[in-house]
Amino acid sequence: MIGQVKFFDHKKRYGFITGDDGMEYYFSSANVDIPSGILDRGYTVFFTPSLNDRGRVALNIKLY
């Protein structure tokens, strides 16, 4: 799926992506497949949507 980074906390290393389905997905920097592990607001990304016990999550995140 394609989405856009809505928010990323650089200190806590987590954020949210709005998918092209209109839903919001939580992610941590551990699931970002770029060397720095850091994404900024507005970046367009590919990701694998998933569900866990807390809700929607983004996995395998790569820059678009």
PDB file of N, CA and C in Angstrom:
ATOM      1  N   MET A   1       0.836  -1.170   0.000  1.00  0.00           N
ATOM      2  CA  MET A   1       0.000   0.000   0.000  1.00  0.00           C
ATOM      3  C   MET A   1       0.888   1.243   0.000  1.00  0.00           C
ATOM      4  N   ILE A   2       0.360   2.321  -0.529  1.00  0.00           N
ATOM      5  CA  ILE A   2       1.067   3.595  -0.526  1.00  0.00           C
ATOM      6  C   ILE A   2       0.410   4.503   0.516  1.00  0.00           C
ATOM      7  N   GLY A   3       1.228   5.289   1.200  1.00  0.00           N
ATOM      8  CA  GLY A   3       0.697   6.217   2.187  1.00  0.00           C
ATOM      9  C   GLY A   3       1.624   7.396   2.379  1.00  0.00           C
ATOM     10  N   GLN A   4       1.208   8.284   3.265  1.00  0.00           N
ATOM     11  CA  GLN A   4       1.992   9.484   3.549  1.00  0.00           C
ATOM     12  C   GLN A   4       2.183   9.605   5.058  1.00  0.00           C
ATOM     13  N   VAL A   5       3.416   9.928   5.458  1.00  0.00           N
ATOM     14  CA  VAL A   5       3.718  10.084   6.880  1.00  0.00           C
ATOM     15  C   VAL A   5       2.966  11.306   7.402  1.00  0.00           C
ATOM     16  N   LYS A   6       2.145  11.067   8.420  1.00  0.00           N
ATOM     17  CA  LYS A   6       1.361  12.137   9.023  1.00  0.00           C
ATOM     18  C   LYS A   6       2.098  12.758  10.202  1.00  0.00           C
ATOM     19  N   PHE A   7       2.848  11.920  10.930  1.00  0.00           N
ATOM     20  CA  PHE A   7       3.518  12.366  12.157  1.00  0.00           C
ATOM     21  C   PHE A   7       4.674  11.414  12.439  1.00  0.00           C
ATOM     22  N   PHE A   8       5.799  11.946  12.960  1.00  0.00           N
ATOM     23  CA  PHE A   8       6.893  11.110  13.426  1.00  0.00           C
ATOM     24  C   PHE A   8       7.577  11.806  14.591  1.00  0.00           C
ATOM     25  N   ASP A   9       7.691  11.122  15.726  1.00  0.00           N
ATOM     26  CA  ASP A   9       8.367  11.639  16.909  1.00  0.00           C
ATOM     27  C   ASP A   9       9.812  11.144  16.866  1.00  0.00           C
ATOM     28  N   HIS A  10      10.754  12.053  16.629  1.00  0.00           N
ATOM     29  CA  HIS A  10      12.156  11.677  16.477  1.00  0.00           C
ATOM     30  C   HIS A  10      12.759  11.134  17.773  1.00  0.00           C
ATOM     31  N   LYS A  11      12.324  11.611  18.925  1.00  0.00           N
ATOM     32  CA  LYS A  11      12.861  11.118  20.199  1.00  0.00           C
ATOM     33  C   LYS A  11      12.343   9.733  20.530  1.00  0.00           C
ATOM     34  N   LYS A  12      11.046   9.523  20.380  1.00  0.00           N
ATOM     35  CA  LYS A  12      10.441   8.230  20.725  1.00  0.00           C
ATOM     36  C   LYS A  12      10.464   7.252  19.558  1.00  0.00           C
ATOM     37  N   ARG A  13      10.757   7.744  18.359  1.00  0.00           N
ATOM     38  CA  ARG A  13      10.942   6.932  17.155  1.00  0.00           C
ATOM     39  C   ARG A  13       9.700   6.124  16.768  1.00  0.00           C
ATOM     40  N   TYR A  14       8.567   6.803  16.761  1.00  0.00           N
ATOM     41  CA  TYR A  14       7.337   6.188  16.271  1.00  0.00           C
ATOM     42  C   TYR A  14       6.534   7.261  15.537  1.00  0.00           C
ATOM     43  N   GLY A  15       5.528   6.826  14.791  1.00  0.00           N
ATOM     44  CA  GLY A  15       4.708   7.786  14.073  1.00  0.00           C
ATOM     45  C   GLY A  15       3.459   7.151  13.497  1.00  0.00           C
ATOM     46  N   PHE A  16       2.822   7.905  12.601  1.00  0.00           N
ATOM     47  CA  PHE A  16       1.594   7.448  11.961  1.00  0.00           C
ATOM     48  C   PHE A  16       1.650   7.751  10.478  1.00  0.00           C
ATOM     49  N   ILE A  17       1.096   6.823   9.703  1.00  0.00           N
ATOM     50  CA  ILE A  17       1.005   6.951   8.251  1.00  0.00           C
ATOM     51  C   ILE A  17      -0.470   6.929   7.886  1.00  0.00           C
ATOM     52  N   THR A  18      -0.869   7.812   6.973  1.00  0.00           N
ATOM     53  CA  THR A  18      -2.216   7.754   6.419  1.00  0.00           C
ATOM     54  C   THR A  18      -2.119   6.986   5.113  1.00  0.00           C
ATOM     55  N   GLY A  19      -2.776   5.833   5.070  1.00  0.00           N
ATOM     56  CA  GLY A  19      -2.737   4.991   3.879  1.00  0.00           C
ATOM     57  C   GLY A  19      -3.633   5.522   2.781  1.00  0.00           C
ATOM     58  N   ASP A  20      -3.443   5.014   1.555  1.00  0.00           N
ATOM     59  CA  ASP A  20      -4.287   5.461   0.449  1.00  0.00           C
ATOM     60  C   ASP A  20      -5.723   4.963   0.592  1.00  0.00           C
ATOM     61  N   ASP A  21      -5.993   4.144   1.625  1.00  0.00           N
ATOM     62  CA  ASP A  21      -7.352   3.722   1.946  1.00  0.00           C
ATOM     63  C   ASP A  21      -8.027   4.692   2.924  1.00  0.00           C
ATOM     64  N   GLY A  22      -7.291   5.753   3.331  1.00  0.00           N
ATOM     65  CA  GLY A  22      -7.832   6.741   4.245  1.00  0.00           C
ATOM     66  C   GLY A  22      -7.672   6.403   5.719  1.00  0.00           C
ATOM     67  N   MET A  23      -7.145   5.228   6.020  1.00  0.00           N
ATOM     68  CA  MET A  23      -6.967   4.786   7.407  1.00  0.00           C
ATOM     69  C   MET A  23      -5.595   5.212   7.924  1.00  0.00           C
ATOM     70  N   GLU A  24      -5.485   5.320   9.248  1.00  0.00           N
ATOM     71  CA  GLU A  24      -4.232   5.686   9.893  1.00  0.00           C
ATOM     72  C   GLU A  24      -3.546   4.437  10.449  1.00  0.00           C
ATOM     73  N   TYR A  25      -2.223   4.351  10.257  1.00  0.00           N
ATOM     74  CA  TYR A  25      -1.435   3.196  10.683  1.00  0.00           C
ATOM     75  C   TYR A  25      -0.285   3.648  11.566  1.00  0.00           C
ATOM     76  N   TYR A  26      -0.141   3.022  12.706  1.00  0.00           N
ATOM     77  CA  TYR A  26       0.973   3.279  13.620  1.00  0.00           C
ATOM     78  C   TYR A  26       2.219   2.590  13.072  1.00  0.00           C
ATOM     79  N   PHE A  27       3.400   3.179  13.303  1.00  0.00           N
ATOM     80  CA  PHE A  27       4.650   2.490  12.967  1.00  0.00           C
ATOM     81  C   PHE A  27       5.745   2.908  13.931  1.00  0.00           C
ATOM     82  N   SER A  28       6.719   2.030  14.084  1.00  0.00           N
ATOM     83  CA  SER A  28       7.925   2.370  14.843  1.00  0.00           C
ATOM     84  C   SER A  28       9.092   2.358  13.867  1.00  0.00           C
ATOM     85  N   SER A  29      10.179   3.012  14.244  1.00  0.00           N
ATOM     86  CA  SER A  29      11.330   3.090  13.344  1.00  0.00           C
ATOM     87  C   SER A  29      11.916   1.716  13.060  1.00  0.00           C
ATOM     88  N   ALA A  30      11.647   0.726  13.911  1.00  0.00           N
ATOM     89  CA  ALA A  30      12.132  -0.634  13.676  1.00  0.00           C
ATOM     90  C   ALA A  30      11.533  -1.235  12.405  1.00  0.00           C
ATOM     91  N   ASN A  31      10.396  -0.707  11.954  1.00  0.00           N
ATOM     92  CA  ASN A  31       9.739  -1.220  10.750  1.00  0.00           C
ATOM     93  C   ASN A  31      10.038  -0.397   9.506  1.00  0.00           C
ATOM     94  N   VAL A  32      10.960   0.552   9.629  1.00  0.00           N
ATOM     95  CA  VAL A  32      11.330   1.404   8.498  1.00  0.00           C
ATOM     96  C   VAL A  32      12.573   0.829   7.832  1.00  0.00           C
ATOM     97  N   ASP A  33      12.458   0.523   6.549  1.00  0.00           N
ATOM     98  CA  ASP A  33      13.549  -0.118   5.811  1.00  0.00           C
ATOM     99  C   ASP A  33      14.396   0.910   5.047  1.00  0.00           C
ATOM    100  N   ILE A  34      14.934   1.883   5.795  1.00  0.00           N
ATOM    101  CA  ILE A  34      15.927   2.812   5.259  1.00  0.00           C
ATOM    102  C   ILE A  34      17.013   2.928   6.320  1.00  0.00           C
ATOM    103  N   PRO A  35      18.242   3.194   5.937  1.00  0.00           N
ATOM    104  CA  PRO A  35      19.355   3.169   6.896  1.00  0.00           C
ATOM    105  C   PRO A  35      19.151   4.004   8.158  1.00  0.00           C
ATOM    106  N   SER A  36      18.600   5.204   8.045  1.00  0.00           N
ATOM    107  CA  SER A  36      18.447   6.056   9.227  1.00  0.00           C
ATOM    108  C   SER A  36      17.277   5.635  10.101  1.00  0.00           C
ATOM    109  N   GLY A  37      16.291   4.947   9.523  1.00  0.00           N
ATOM    110  CA  GLY A  37      15.096   4.565  10.269  1.00  0.00           C
ATOM    111  C   GLY A  37      14.204   5.741  10.595  1.00  0.00           C
ATOM    112  N   ILE A  38      14.476   6.883  10.005  1.00  0.00           N
ATOM    113  CA  ILE A  38      13.740   8.107  10.319  1.00  0.00           C
ATOM    114  C   ILE A  38      12.952   8.583   9.108  1.00  0.00           C
ATOM    115  N   LEU A  39      11.701   8.905   9.336  1.00  0.00           N
ATOM    116  CA  LEU A  39      10.845   9.474   8.305  1.00  0.00           C
ATOM    117  C   LEU A  39      10.329  10.820   8.791  1.00  0.00           C
ATOM    118  N   ASP A  40      10.077  11.733   7.896  1.00  0.00           N
ATOM    119  CA  ASP A  40       9.531  13.031   8.260  1.00  0.00           C
ATOM    120  C   ASP A  40       8.127  13.190   7.684  1.00  0.00           C
ATOM    121  N   ARG A  41       7.393  14.087   8.300  1.00  0.00           N
ATOM    122  CA  ARG A  41       6.032  14.374   7.874  1.00  0.00           C
ATOM    123  C   ARG A  41       6.016  14.709   6.387  1.00  0.00           C
ATOM    124  N   GLY A  42       5.059  14.123   5.667  1.00  0.00           N
ATOM    125  CA  GLY A  42       4.907  14.407   4.249  1.00  0.00           C
ATOM    126  C   GLY A  42       5.586  13.412   3.328  1.00  0.00           C
ATOM    127  N   TYR A  43       6.491  12.581   3.847  1.00  0.00           N
ATOM    128  CA  TYR A  43       7.145  11.577   3.003  1.00  0.00           C
ATOM    129  C   TYR A  43       6.092  10.595   2.486  1.00  0.00           C
ATOM    130  N   THR A  44       6.225  10.207   1.231  1.00  0.00           N
ATOM    131  CA  THR A  44       5.373   9.178   0.650  1.00  0.00           C
ATOM    132  C   THR A  44       6.121   7.854   0.747  1.00  0.00           C
ATOM    133  N   VAL A  45       5.394   6.805   1.204  1.00  0.00           N
ATOM    134  CA  VAL A  45       6.016   5.513   1.477  1.00  0.00           C
ATOM    135  C   VAL A  45       5.168   4.359   0.953  1.00  0.00           C
ATOM    136  N   PHE A  46       5.848   3.229   0.717  1.00  0.00           N
ATOM    137  CA  PHE A  46       5.196   1.935   0.518  1.00  0.00           C
ATOM    138  C   PHE A  46       5.200   1.250   1.865  1.00  0.00           C
ATOM    139  N   PHE A  47       4.153   0.485   2.194  1.00  0.00           N
ATOM    140  CA  PHE A  47       4.159  -0.292   3.429  1.00  0.00           C
ATOM    141  C   PHE A  47       3.183  -1.457   3.336  1.00  0.00           C
ATOM    142  N   THR A  48       3.367  -2.403   4.242  1.00  0.00           N
ATOM    143  CA  THR A  48       2.464  -3.538   4.352  1.00  0.00           C
ATOM    144  C   THR A  48       1.519  -3.275   5.518  1.00  0.00           C
ATOM    145  N   PRO A  49       0.215  -3.150   5.251  1.00  0.00           N
ATOM    146  CA  PRO A  49      -0.726  -2.923   6.346  1.00  0.00           C
ATOM    147  C   PRO A  49      -0.949  -4.213   7.138  1.00  0.00           C
ATOM    148  N   SER A  50      -1.152  -4.058   8.444  1.00  0.00           N
ATOM    149  CA  SER A  50      -1.374  -5.217   9.302  1.00  0.00           C
ATOM    150  C   SER A  50      -2.222  -4.787  10.496  1.00  0.00           C
ATOM    151  N   LEU A  51      -2.667  -5.769  11.261  1.00  0.00           N
ATOM    152  CA  LEU A  51      -3.411  -5.523  12.494  1.00  0.00           C
ATOM    153  C   LEU A  51      -2.709  -6.223  13.639  1.00  0.00           C
ATOM    154  N   ASN A  52      -2.681  -5.578  14.797  1.00  0.00           N
ATOM    155  CA  ASN A  52      -2.221  -6.260  16.004  1.00  0.00           C
ATOM    156  C   ASN A  52      -3.242  -5.987  17.101  1.00  0.00           C
ATOM    157  N   ASP A  53      -2.923  -6.332  18.331  1.00  0.00           N
ATOM    158  CA  ASP A  53      -3.882  -6.175  19.424  1.00  0.00           C
ATOM    159  C   ASP A  53      -4.221  -4.713  19.727  1.00  0.00           C
ATOM    160  N   ARG A  54      -3.429  -3.771  19.215  1.00  0.00           N
ATOM    161  CA  ARG A  54      -3.687  -2.346  19.448  1.00  0.00           C
ATOM    162  C   ARG A  54      -4.324  -1.647  18.248  1.00  0.00           C
ATOM    163  N   GLY A  55      -4.402  -2.315  17.116  1.00  0.00           N
ATOM    164  CA  GLY A  55      -5.021  -1.707  15.937  1.00  0.00           C
ATOM    165  C   GLY A  55      -4.181  -1.849  14.688  1.00  0.00           C
ATOM    166  N   ARG A  56      -4.348  -0.899  13.788  1.00  0.00           N
ATOM    167  CA  ARG A  56      -3.657  -0.934  12.491  1.00  0.00           C
ATOM    168  C   ARG A  56      -2.196  -0.537  12.647  1.00  0.00           C
ATOM    169  N   VAL A  57      -1.328  -1.299  11.980  1.00  0.00           N
ATOM    170  CA  VAL A  57       0.111  -0.996  12.006  1.00  0.00           C
ATOM    171  C   VAL A  57       0.674  -1.095  10.590  1.00  0.00           C
ATOM    172  N   ALA A  58       1.757  -0.355  10.365  1.00  0.00           N
ATOM    173  CA  ALA A  58       2.474  -0.384   9.082  1.00  0.00           C
ATOM    174  C   ALA A  58       3.774  -1.149   9.280  1.00  0.00           C
ATOM    175  N   LEU A  59       4.025  -2.091   8.395  1.00  0.00           N
ATOM    176  CA  LEU A  59       5.252  -2.907   8.442  1.00  0.00           C
ATOM    177  C   LEU A  59       6.000  -2.751   7.124  1.00  0.00           C
ATOM    178  N   ASN A  60       7.277  -3.103   7.115  1.00  0.00           N
ATOM    179  CA  ASN A  60       8.098  -3.103   5.895  1.00  0.00           C
ATOM    180  C   ASN A  60       8.002  -1.783   5.141  1.00  0.00           C
ATOM    181  N   ILE A  61       8.233  -0.683   5.827  1.00  0.00           N
ATOM    182  CA  ILE A  61       8.061   0.651   5.257  1.00  0.00           C
ATOM    183  C   ILE A  61       9.293   1.042   4.440  1.00  0.00           C
ATOM    184  N   LYS A  62       9.032   1.480   3.204  1.00  0.00           N
ATOM    185  CA  LYS A  62      10.092   1.931   2.298  1.00  0.00           C
ATOM    186  C   LYS A  62       9.682   3.240   1.659  1.00  0.00           C
ATOM    187  N   LEU A  63      10.666   4.056   1.318  1.00  0.00           N
ATOM    188  CA  LEU A  63      10.349   5.305   0.618  1.00  0.00           C
ATOM    189  C   LEU A  63       9.774   5.007  -0.758  1.00  0.00           C
ATOM    190  N   TYR A  64       8.835   5.794  -1.189  1.00  0.00           N
ATOM    191  CA  TYR A  64       8.177   5.655  -2.479  1.00  0.00           C
ATOM    192  C   TYR A  64       9.059   6.162  -3.580  1.00  0.00           C
TER     193      TYR A  64
END
